Amino acid sequence: MKPRFESAVNKVLRLILHAQSKAEMALCYRVLRLKFPIQQFPNYAWYQNKRTYSEKVTSKPKPVSSVETTDHLIYTHEHNALRESLRKIIDKEINPFIDKWEEAELFPAHRIFKILGSSGFLGVNKPTEYGGLGLDFSYNVAVAEELGNIRCGGIPMAIGVQSDMATPALARYGSAELKKEFLQPTIAGDKVVCLGVSEVGAGSDVASIKTKAVRKGDDYIINGGKMWITNGTQADWMCLLANTSDGPPHRNKSLICLPMNLPGIHVTRKISKIGMKSSDTAEIFFDDVRVPCKNLIGEEGMGFTYQMLQFQEERLWGVANILTPMQTVIQETIEYTRHRKIFNQPILHNQTVHFRLAELETEVELLRSLLYRSTAMYVNGTDVTKLASMAKLKAGRLARELSDSCLQFWGGMGFTSDVFVSRFYRDSRLMSIGAGADEVMLSIICKYMETLPGKK
């Protein structure tokens, strides 16, 4: 077998060996059946037999997972199996260490990404020839939802950058050479990637970036800087958006794979934030950084368009990821207010409280429906820019509303760092800012509604 093919197969075979339910097995066999010709890996039967024999070791019945049966709008047993496998990693490798990483304001990205990459979670919809699972984007949404069970916002965000924000354009438009050098090790978790778009004077206004990449011979010479870069202090490479000509702002930008160990790259500081503590965020400057022109992703001048396409997936991923912690905050608030008494009765018995929680639960479910509709349409090839912008706008506003309301019901405890609701209150505030502020989402929606005033 070719090395890249063998790597992808081995990932799925490892999932088979560790599968604990029929749903997990179904997912693994589906990937093998659809993505890999059976004749190309003769040892496949050995894995099947090993699994069969291992199940005969004990007669003790295994508990049936709650996701064995499903009546879901877009998720199948296989989606749920993927979530089951991921939840085991979260419970074992991530959640026990969250408080430590939040205090340190840093988590070991290379170690965690390697664990996730070895199980296929960093390339769910990426090509199998580069180590991905080759599934459709609905599986990315399922993974994003499950990552919401991590007890902070910073680590899921960092994982999302690695899997769904910095690599879609490379996977679609990059050369085979670039994919081998950058995409494959990123999917495997061997390299950490960051996305270099935002600048001090250009956050949501992507067209206004100033960083330049000037062609000189066979190289680009890069000068400028990037701000608020997630994974920036630990990254091995950056998916960089830079101006490669002096043409119109929507047609003069290009995406470039930029190794972070090149001379002239300066990570000047790790930015202190009010939330997302465990995720490192950097300010980075470029001083005559020389990178080969072959590191260009796709066509020169198409970077703005490629980045807008990446934003569609990024925004849907962000909405999916915030649904689970919102649900968690509601449930934990219900439990707390059910047992916490004031004036001789549980706080939950106050109509103001249980009515408000009912309203918030309703809003969460409405957002979930919008996400699933948008995802189904996107998988079918429909442009969902308008719906993705609506979902992202609603998610940011609902996260603020929900976290504020629920924190209030926790009283003094809600103002401490000892409970999840206070961490979510801090972390979720970014949802209305990052990946396009609320006001930008409104402008996009108005554009599609044809209500946006034209420029004079």
Protein backbone atom coordinates (compact mmCIF):
# COMPACT_ATOMS: atom_id res chain seq x y z
CA MET A 1 0.00 0.00 0.00
CA LYS A 2 1.05 3.60 -0.57
CA PRO A 3 2.10 5.33 2.69
CA ARG A 4 -0.67 7.95 2.64
CA PHE A 5 -3.32 5.36 1.85
CA GLU A 6 -1.99 3.00 4.52
CA SER A 7 -2.04 5.80 7.11
CA ALA A 8 -5.71 6.56 6.44
CA VAL A 9 -6.65 2.88 6.56
CA ASN A 10 -4.78 2.36 9.82
CA LYS A 11 -6.71 5.22 11.43
CA VAL A 12 -10.00 3.53 10.65
CA LEU A 13 -8.69 0.14 11.74
CA ARG A 14 -7.64 1.62 15.09
CA LEU A 15 -11.17 2.95 15.50
CA ILE A 16 -12.50 -0.56 14.81
CA LEU A 17 -10.29 -2.11 17.47
CA HIS A 18 -11.48 0.39 20.07
CA ALA A 19 -15.13 0.52 19.03
CA GLN A 20 -17.46 -0.18 21.94
CA SER A 21 -20.83 -0.21 20.19
CA LYS A 22 -22.51 -1.37 17.02
CA ALA A 23 -22.90 2.24 15.94
CA GLU A 24 -19.15 2.84 16.20
CA MET A 25 -18.46 -0.35 14.25
CA ALA A 26 -20.95 0.72 11.58
CA LEU A 27 -19.14 4.01 11.09
CA CYS A 28 -15.76 2.34 10.75
CA TYR A 29 -16.97 -0.25 8.25
CA ARG A 30 -18.79 2.42 6.25
CA VAL A 31 -15.59 4.42 5.86
CA LEU A 32 -13.69 1.29 4.84
CA ARG A 33 -16.38 0.17 2.44
CA LEU A 34 -16.94 3.52 0.73
CA LYS A 35 -13.47 5.00 0.73
CA PHE A 36 -11.02 2.11 0.44
CA PRO A 37 -11.17 -0.74 -2.14
CA ILE A 38 -11.20 -3.94 -0.09
CA GLN A 39 -8.53 -5.60 -2.23
CA GLN A 40 -5.97 -2.92 -1.32
CA PHE A 41 -5.66 -3.95 2.30
CA PRO A 42 -5.48 -7.77 2.62
CA ASN A 43 -5.10 -7.62 6.40
CA TYR A 44 -8.63 -6.20 6.77
CA ALA A 45 -10.07 -9.67 7.44
CA TRP A 46 -7.61 -10.08 10.33
CA TYR A 47 -9.03 -6.97 11.98
CA GLN A 48 -12.57 -8.25 11.49
CA ASN A 49 -11.66 -11.59 13.03
CA LYS A 50 -9.78 -9.96 15.91
CA ARG A 51 -12.84 -7.89 16.72
CA THR A 52 -15.09 -10.96 16.57
CA TYR A 53 -12.81 -12.98 18.83
CA SER A 54 -12.38 -10.14 21.33
CA GLU A 55 -16.14 -9.89 21.75
CA LYS A 56 -16.24 -13.57 22.75
CA VAL A 57 -13.81 -13.09 25.62
CA THR A 58 -16.54 -12.19 28.08
CA SER A 59 -20.22 -13.04 28.31
CA LYS A 60 -20.91 -9.93 30.37
CA PRO A 61 -23.43 -7.79 28.47
CA LYS A 62 -22.30 -4.34 27.48
CA PRO A 63 -24.56 -1.37 28.16
CA VAL A 64 -26.42 -0.15 25.12
CA SER A 65 -25.46 3.38 24.12
CA SER A 66 -28.17 6.00 24.08
CA VAL A 67 -27.22 6.79 20.49
CA GLU A 68 -27.81 3.29 19.14
CA THR A 69 -31.16 4.38 17.75
CA THR A 70 -31.68 7.70 16.09
CA ASP A 71 -34.49 9.70 14.58
CA HIS A 72 -32.48 12.75 13.64
CA LEU A 73 -32.78 15.38 10.93
CA ILE A 74 -29.22 14.93 9.62
CA TYR A 75 -27.38 12.51 11.93
CA THR A 76 -27.27 8.77 11.37
CA HIS A 77 -25.96 5.97 13.59
CA GLU A 78 -22.57 6.65 12.03
CA HIS A 79 -22.59 10.31 13.08
CA ASN A 80 -23.45 9.24 16.61
CA ALA A 81 -20.71 6.61 16.56
CA LEU A 82 -18.18 9.28 15.69
CA ARG A 83 -19.43 11.38 18.60
CA GLU A 84 -19.24 8.39 20.95
CA SER A 85 -15.60 7.76 20.07
CA LEU A 86 -14.73 11.43 20.48
CA ARG A 87 -16.47 11.66 23.84
CA LYS A 88 -14.17 8.96 25.22
CA ILE A 89 -11.12 11.01 24.25
CA ILE A 90 -12.64 14.15 25.77
CA ASP A 91 -13.41 12.41 29.05
CA LYS A 92 -9.98 10.77 29.31
CA GLU A 93 -7.49 13.14 27.69
CA ILE A 94 -8.99 16.62 27.96
CA ASN A 95 -11.60 17.36 30.63
CA PRO A 96 -9.53 16.11 33.61
CA PHE A 97 -6.89 18.76 32.80
CA ILE A 98 -9.05 21.75 31.84
CA ASP A 99 -8.66 23.68 35.11
CA LYS A 100 -4.88 23.29 34.97
CA TRP A 101 -4.70 24.51 31.36
CA GLU A 102 -7.09 27.39 32.02
CA GLU A 103 -4.88 28.56 34.88
CA ALA A 104 -1.74 28.25 32.75
CA GLU A 105 -3.54 29.98 29.85
CA LEU A 106 -2.13 27.33 27.52
CA PHE A 107 -2.84 23.72 26.58
CA PRO A 108 -0.43 21.22 24.95
CA ALA A 109 -1.71 21.56 21.39
CA HIS A 110 0.76 19.14 19.81
CA ARG A 111 -0.08 16.35 22.27
CA ILE A 112 -3.85 16.80 22.10
CA PHE A 113 -3.91 17.24 18.34
CA LYS A 114 -1.82 14.09 17.89
CA ILE A 115 -4.34 12.11 19.93
CA LEU A 116 -7.23 13.51 17.91
CA GLY A 117 -5.39 13.15 14.62
CA SER A 118 -4.54 9.50 15.27
CA SER A 119 -8.27 8.80 15.60
CA GLY A 120 -9.24 10.72 12.47
CA PHE A 121 -10.95 13.70 14.11
CA LEU A 122 -8.83 16.40 12.44
CA GLY A 123 -9.71 15.37 8.89
CA VAL A 124 -13.28 14.14 9.01
CA ASN A 125 -14.25 15.54 5.60
CA LYS A 126 -10.74 15.74 4.17
CA PRO A 127 -9.48 13.50 1.33
CA THR A 128 -8.57 9.96 2.31
CA GLU A 129 -5.34 10.09 0.30
CA TYR A 130 -4.04 12.66 2.80
CA GLY A 131 -5.21 10.83 5.92
CA GLY A 132 -8.77 12.15 6.15
CA LEU A 133 -11.93 10.10 6.51
CA GLY A 134 -13.53 11.48 3.35
CA LEU A 135 -16.96 12.02 4.92
CA ASP A 136 -19.29 14.93 4.23
CA PHE A 137 -19.47 18.16 6.22
CA SER A 138 -22.39 16.99 8.37
CA TYR A 139 -19.87 14.80 10.21
CA ASN A 140 -17.78 17.88 10.98
CA VAL A 141 -20.88 19.47 12.49
CA ALA A 142 -21.45 16.36 14.63
CA VAL A 143 -17.84 16.50 15.83
CA ALA A 144 -18.18 20.21 16.60
CA GLU A 145 -21.26 19.54 18.70
CA GLU A 146 -19.46 16.83 20.64
CA LEU A 147 -16.43 19.04 21.22
CA GLY A 148 -18.87 21.30 23.07
CA ASN A 149 -18.66 18.77 25.92
CA ILE A 150 -15.15 20.05 26.65
CA ARG A 151 -15.49 22.14 29.81
CA CYS A 152 -14.11 25.34 28.30
CA GLY A 153 -14.34 27.25 25.05
CA GLY A 154 -10.67 27.72 24.24
CA ILE A 155 -9.68 24.16 23.38
CA PRO A 156 -12.64 23.45 21.06
CA MET A 157 -11.85 26.72 19.29
CA ALA A 158 -8.21 25.72 18.83
CA ILE A 159 -9.27 22.32 17.49
CA GLY A 160 -11.71 23.99 15.12
CA VAL A 161 -8.95 26.16 13.67
CA GLN A 162 -6.91 23.03 13.04
CA SER A 163 -9.69 21.00 11.45
CA ASP A 164 -12.21 23.38 9.89
CA MET A 165 -10.96 26.96 9.66
CA ALA A 166 -7.38 26.97 8.35
CA THR A 167 -7.45 23.96 6.02
CA PRO A 168 -10.60 23.90 3.80
CA ALA A 169 -9.04 26.05 1.05
CA LEU A 170 -5.85 23.99 1.07
CA ALA A 171 -7.85 20.76 0.80
CA ARG A 172 -9.91 22.12 -2.11
CA TYR A 173 -7.47 24.21 -4.11
CA GLY A 174 -3.95 23.38 -2.96
CA SER A 175 -1.45 21.50 -5.10
CA ALA A 176 -0.66 17.87 -4.35
CA GLU A 177 2.78 18.94 -3.15
CA LEU A 178 1.30 21.47 -0.70
CA LYS A 179 -1.24 18.98 0.59
CA LYS A 180 1.49 16.44 1.25
CA GLU A 181 3.70 18.98 3.04
CA PHE A 182 1.04 20.81 5.07
CA LEU A 183 -2.41 19.17 4.97
CA GLN A 184 -1.37 15.60 5.65
CA PRO A 185 0.65 16.29 8.84
CA THR A 186 -2.06 18.70 10.04
CA ILE A 187 -4.74 16.02 9.70
CA ALA A 188 -2.43 13.57 11.49
CA GLY A 189 -1.84 16.04 14.32
CA ASP A 190 1.87 16.20 13.65
CA LYS A 191 1.74 19.92 12.81
CA VAL A 192 -0.28 22.71 14.42
CA VAL A 193 -1.77 25.32 12.11
CA CYS A 194 -3.03 28.86 12.67
CA LEU A 195 -5.08 31.12 10.42
CA GLY A 196 -3.54 34.51 9.62
CA VAL A 197 -6.34 36.83 8.50
CA SER A 198 -7.11 39.48 11.15
CA GLU A 199 -4.91 42.53 11.64
CA VAL A 200 -4.90 45.48 14.03
CA GLY A 201 -6.84 47.60 11.54
CA ALA A 202 -8.71 44.80 9.80
CA GLY A 203 -10.71 42.33 11.85
CA SER A 204 -14.13 41.70 10.37
CA ASP A 205 -13.24 43.97 7.43
CA VAL A 206 -11.06 41.40 5.70
CA ALA A 207 -10.74 43.44 2.50
CA SER A 208 -8.76 46.07 4.42
CA ILE A 209 -5.78 43.91 5.41
CA LYS A 210 -2.37 45.53 4.79
CA THR A 211 0.06 42.58 4.95
CA LYS A 212 1.84 42.28 1.60
CA ALA A 213 3.47 39.38 -0.21
CA VAL A 214 5.54 40.81 -3.09
CA ARG A 215 6.75 38.40 -5.73
CA LYS A 216 10.54 38.44 -6.24
CA GLY A 217 11.82 35.71 -8.51
CA ASP A 218 10.53 32.38 -7.26
CA ASP A 219 9.67 33.73 -3.81
CA TYR A 220 7.21 36.01 -2.06
CA ILE A 221 8.66 38.61 0.32
CA ILE A 222 6.17 39.13 3.15
CA ASN A 223 5.89 42.21 5.35
CA GLY A 224 3.17 43.17 7.79
CA GLY A 225 1.52 41.68 10.83
CA LYS A 226 -1.39 39.61 12.11
CA MET A 227 -3.41 39.99 15.30
CA TRP A 228 -5.55 37.73 17.53
CA ILE A 229 -4.11 34.55 16.01
CA THR A 230 -5.44 31.40 17.67
CA ASN A 231 -2.73 28.71 18.12
CA GLY A 232 -0.24 31.44 17.18
CA THR A 233 2.44 30.68 19.79
CA GLN A 234 2.43 26.94 19.09
CA ALA A 235 1.79 26.81 15.34
CA ASP A 236 4.13 25.10 12.89
CA TRP A 237 2.58 26.85 9.90
CA MET A 238 0.07 29.54 9.06
CA CYS A 239 -2.58 29.77 6.38
CA LEU A 240 -1.79 33.41 5.57
CA LEU A 241 -3.99 35.87 3.72
CA ALA A 242 -1.91 38.64 2.16
CA ASN A 243 -2.11 41.22 -0.61
CA THR A 244 -0.17 39.95 -3.61
CA SER A 245 -0.96 42.89 -5.92
CA ASP A 246 -2.26 46.46 -5.87
CA GLY A 247 -5.53 45.60 -7.60
CA PRO A 248 -9.12 45.81 -6.27
CA PRO A 249 -9.29 44.68 -2.60
CA HIS A 250 -11.46 41.65 -3.36
CA ARG A 251 -9.18 40.42 -6.14
CA ASN A 252 -5.66 41.25 -4.91
CA LYS A 253 -5.34 38.75 -2.07
CA SER A 254 -3.90 35.26 -1.93
CA LEU A 255 -3.67 32.43 0.58
CA ILE A 256 -0.15 31.16 1.27
CA CYS A 257 1.13 28.23 3.36
CA LEU A 258 3.70 29.89 5.59
CA PRO A 259 6.06 27.82 7.79
CA MET A 260 6.37 29.57 11.15
CA ASN A 261 10.08 28.83 11.58
CA LEU A 262 11.24 31.08 8.74
CA PRO A 263 13.60 34.00 9.43
CA GLY A 264 11.76 37.28 9.91
CA ILE A 265 8.68 35.85 11.65
CA HIS A 266 8.29 37.31 15.12
CA VAL A 267 5.68 36.09 17.60
CA THR A 268 5.83 39.25 19.67
CA ARG A 269 3.41 38.39 22.45
CA LYS A 270 0.77 36.05 23.74
CA ILE A 271 -2.36 38.15 24.21
CA SER A 272 -4.12 38.10 27.59
CA LYS A 273 -7.88 37.64 27.19
CA ILE A 274 -10.96 37.77 29.42
CA GLY A 275 -12.04 34.33 28.19
CA MET A 276 -10.89 31.38 26.10
CA LYS A 277 -8.00 31.24 28.56
CA SER A 278 -6.54 27.85 27.64
CA SER A 279 -6.20 28.81 23.97
CA ASP A 280 -3.08 30.78 23.10
CA THR A 281 -3.66 33.93 21.03
CA ALA A 282 -0.73 35.74 19.44
CA GLU A 283 0.34 38.92 17.74
CA ILE A 284 2.73 38.16 14.89
CA PHE A 285 4.93 40.37 12.69
CA PHE A 286 6.62 39.62 9.35
CA ASP A 287 9.87 41.34 8.39
CA ASP A 288 11.05 40.45 4.88
CA VAL A 289 9.94 36.84 5.25
CA ARG A 290 10.87 34.85 2.16
CA VAL A 291 8.57 31.97 1.17
CA PRO A 292 8.51 30.01 -2.13
CA CYS A 293 5.80 31.02 -4.62
CA LYS A 294 4.88 27.32 -4.87
CA ASN A 295 3.35 27.71 -1.38
CA LEU A 296 0.48 29.65 -2.95
CA ILE A 297 -2.91 27.96 -2.42
CA GLY A 298 -4.81 27.79 -5.70
CA GLU A 299 -4.71 30.88 -7.91
CA GLU A 300 -3.07 34.18 -7.11
CA GLY A 301 -5.67 36.87 -6.41
CA MET A 302 -8.34 34.37 -5.32
CA GLY A 303 -7.49 34.47 -1.61
CA PHE A 304 -10.42 36.67 -0.58
CA THR A 305 -12.89 34.34 -2.32
CA TYR A 306 -11.26 31.25 -0.81
CA GLN A 307 -11.39 32.82 2.65
CA MET A 308 -15.07 33.70 2.32
CA LEU A 309 -15.74 30.04 1.49
CA GLN A 310 -13.74 29.00 4.55
CA PHE A 311 -15.87 31.36 6.63
CA GLN A 312 -19.05 29.46 5.72
CA GLU A 313 -17.71 26.30 7.31
CA GLU A 314 -16.13 28.20 10.19
CA ARG A 315 -19.42 29.88 11.10
CA LEU A 316 -21.47 26.69 10.91
CA TRP A 317 -18.81 24.90 12.96
CA GLY A 318 -18.91 27.66 15.60
CA VAL A 319 -22.70 27.45 15.89
CA ALA A 320 -22.58 23.68 16.29
CA ASN A 321 -19.87 23.92 18.90
CA ILE A 322 -21.71 26.41 21.11
CA LEU A 323 -25.01 24.47 21.16
CA THR A 324 -23.75 21.82 23.57
CA PRO A 325 -22.39 24.15 26.27
CA MET A 326 -25.58 26.22 26.09
CA GLN A 327 -27.56 23.05 26.75
CA THR A 328 -25.15 22.15 29.55
CA VAL A 329 -25.54 25.55 31.21
CA ILE A 330 -29.34 25.23 31.14
CA GLN A 331 -29.25 21.73 32.64
CA GLU A 332 -26.74 22.62 35.34
CA THR A 333 -28.78 25.70 36.20
CA ILE A 334 -31.89 23.56 36.53
CA GLU A 335 -30.10 21.20 38.90
CA TYR A 336 -28.63 24.02 40.97
CA THR A 337 -31.88 25.96 41.29
CA ARG A 338 -33.79 22.80 42.09
CA HIS A 339 -31.67 22.20 45.20
CA ARG A 340 -30.75 25.75 46.19
CA LYS A 341 -33.45 27.20 48.40
CA ILE A 342 -34.36 30.81 49.08
CA PHE A 343 -37.23 31.91 51.33
CA ASN A 344 -37.91 28.24 52.13
CA GLN A 345 -38.46 27.06 48.57
CA PRO A 346 -36.24 25.99 45.65
CA ILE A 347 -35.25 28.84 43.35
CA LEU A 348 -36.54 26.78 40.44
CA HIS A 349 -40.10 26.96 41.82
CA ASN A 350 -40.24 30.67 41.08
CA GLN A 351 -42.21 31.12 37.88
CA THR A 352 -39.75 33.76 36.69
CA VAL A 353 -36.99 31.14 36.80
CA HIS A 354 -38.60 28.11 35.22
CA PHE A 355 -40.37 30.20 32.58
CA ARG A 356 -37.10 31.87 31.64
CA LEU A 357 -35.33 28.52 31.36
CA ALA A 358 -38.15 27.28 29.14
CA GLU A 359 -37.72 30.31 26.88
CA LEU A 360 -33.98 29.73 26.62
CA GLU A 361 -34.41 26.03 25.87
CA THR A 362 -36.83 26.95 23.09
CA GLU A 363 -34.32 29.38 21.59
CA VAL A 364 -31.57 26.75 21.66
CA GLU A 365 -33.73 24.25 19.82
CA LEU A 366 -34.71 26.81 17.20
CA LEU A 367 -31.04 27.58 16.61
CA ARG A 368 -30.29 23.87 16.37
CA SER A 369 -32.94 23.48 13.67
CA LEU A 370 -31.47 26.37 11.67
CA LEU A 371 -28.02 24.80 11.93
CA TYR A 372 -29.22 21.40 10.71
CA ARG A 373 -31.15 22.93 7.84
CA SER A 374 -28.11 24.99 6.80
CA THR A 375 -25.83 21.97 7.07
CA ALA A 376 -28.09 19.75 4.96
CA MET A 377 -28.28 22.42 2.27
CA TYR A 378 -24.52 22.99 2.35
CA VAL A 379 -23.81 19.27 1.99
CA ASN A 380 -26.10 19.27 -1.06
CA GLY A 381 -24.07 22.05 -2.65
CA THR A 382 -26.28 25.05 -1.87
CA ASP A 383 -24.82 28.44 -1.03
CA VAL A 384 -25.79 28.94 2.62
CA THR A 385 -23.99 32.23 3.25
CA LYS A 386 -27.24 33.92 4.30
CA LEU A 387 -28.37 31.10 6.59
CA ALA A 388 -24.88 30.59 8.06
CA SER A 389 -24.73 34.32 8.83
CA MET A 390 -28.17 34.17 10.46
CA ALA A 391 -27.16 31.17 12.56
CA LYS A 392 -23.90 32.77 13.62
CA LEU A 393 -25.65 36.03 14.52
CA LYS A 394 -28.30 34.22 16.55
CA ALA A 395 -25.75 31.98 18.28
CA GLY A 396 -23.69 34.94 19.47
CA ARG A 397 -26.67 36.85 20.79
CA LEU A 398 -28.29 33.82 22.37
CA ALA A 399 -25.03 32.82 24.09
CA ARG A 400 -24.85 36.25 25.72
CA GLU A 401 -28.51 36.22 26.70
CA LEU A 402 -28.43 32.66 28.01
CA SER A 403 -25.20 32.95 29.97
CA ASP A 404 -26.32 36.21 31.58
CA SER A 405 -29.76 34.88 32.56
CA CYS A 406 -28.46 31.59 33.95
CA LEU A 407 -25.55 33.19 35.81
CA GLN A 408 -28.07 35.45 37.56
CA PHE A 409 -29.92 32.40 38.90
CA TRP A 410 -26.67 31.11 40.43
CA GLY A 411 -26.38 34.25 42.56
CA GLY A 412 -23.03 34.69 44.28
CA MET A 413 -21.80 31.30 43.03
CA GLY A 414 -22.21 32.52 39.48
CA PHE A 415 -19.70 35.29 40.14
CA THR A 416 -16.98 32.80 41.09
CA SER A 417 -14.66 30.78 38.88
CA ASP A 418 -15.84 27.55 40.49
CA VAL A 419 -18.79 26.88 38.18
CA PHE A 420 -19.10 26.24 34.46
CA VAL A 421 -21.67 28.98 33.86
CA SER A 422 -19.18 31.72 34.77
CA ARG A 423 -16.56 30.30 32.39
CA PHE A 424 -19.14 30.08 29.62
CA TYR A 425 -20.18 33.67 30.37
CA ARG A 426 -16.60 34.79 29.63
CA ASP A 427 -15.80 32.41 26.77
CA SER A 428 -19.00 32.75 24.79
CA ARG A 429 -18.69 36.53 24.44
CA LEU A 430 -16.30 35.92 21.56
CA MET A 431 -19.07 34.36 19.47
CA SER A 432 -20.43 37.80 18.57
CA ILE A 433 -16.96 39.10 17.65
CA GLY A 434 -14.81 36.39 16.06
CA ALA A 435 -15.25 35.10 12.48
CA GLY A 436 -17.25 38.22 11.63
CA ALA A 437 -18.89 40.48 14.20
CA ASP A 438 -22.67 40.60 14.62
CA GLU A 439 -22.78 43.80 12.63
CA VAL A 440 -21.02 42.14 9.69
CA MET A 441 -23.49 39.24 9.84
CA LEU A 442 -26.34 41.75 9.68
CA SER A 443 -24.76 43.43 6.66
CA ILE A 444 -24.43 40.09 4.86
CA ILE A 445 -28.05 39.21 5.62
CA CYS A 446 -29.19 42.63 4.40
CA LYS A 447 -27.19 42.15 1.20
CA TYR A 448 -29.03 38.92 0.48
CA MET A 449 -32.33 40.60 1.35
CA GLU A 450 -31.41 43.41 -1.06
CA THR A 451 -31.97 46.02 1.65
CA LEU A 452 -28.36 47.17 2.01
CA PRO A 453 -27.88 50.74 0.71
CA GLY A 454 -25.52 50.97 -2.22
CA LYS A 455 -22.21 52.79 -1.91
CA LYS A 456 -22.20 56.28 -3.41
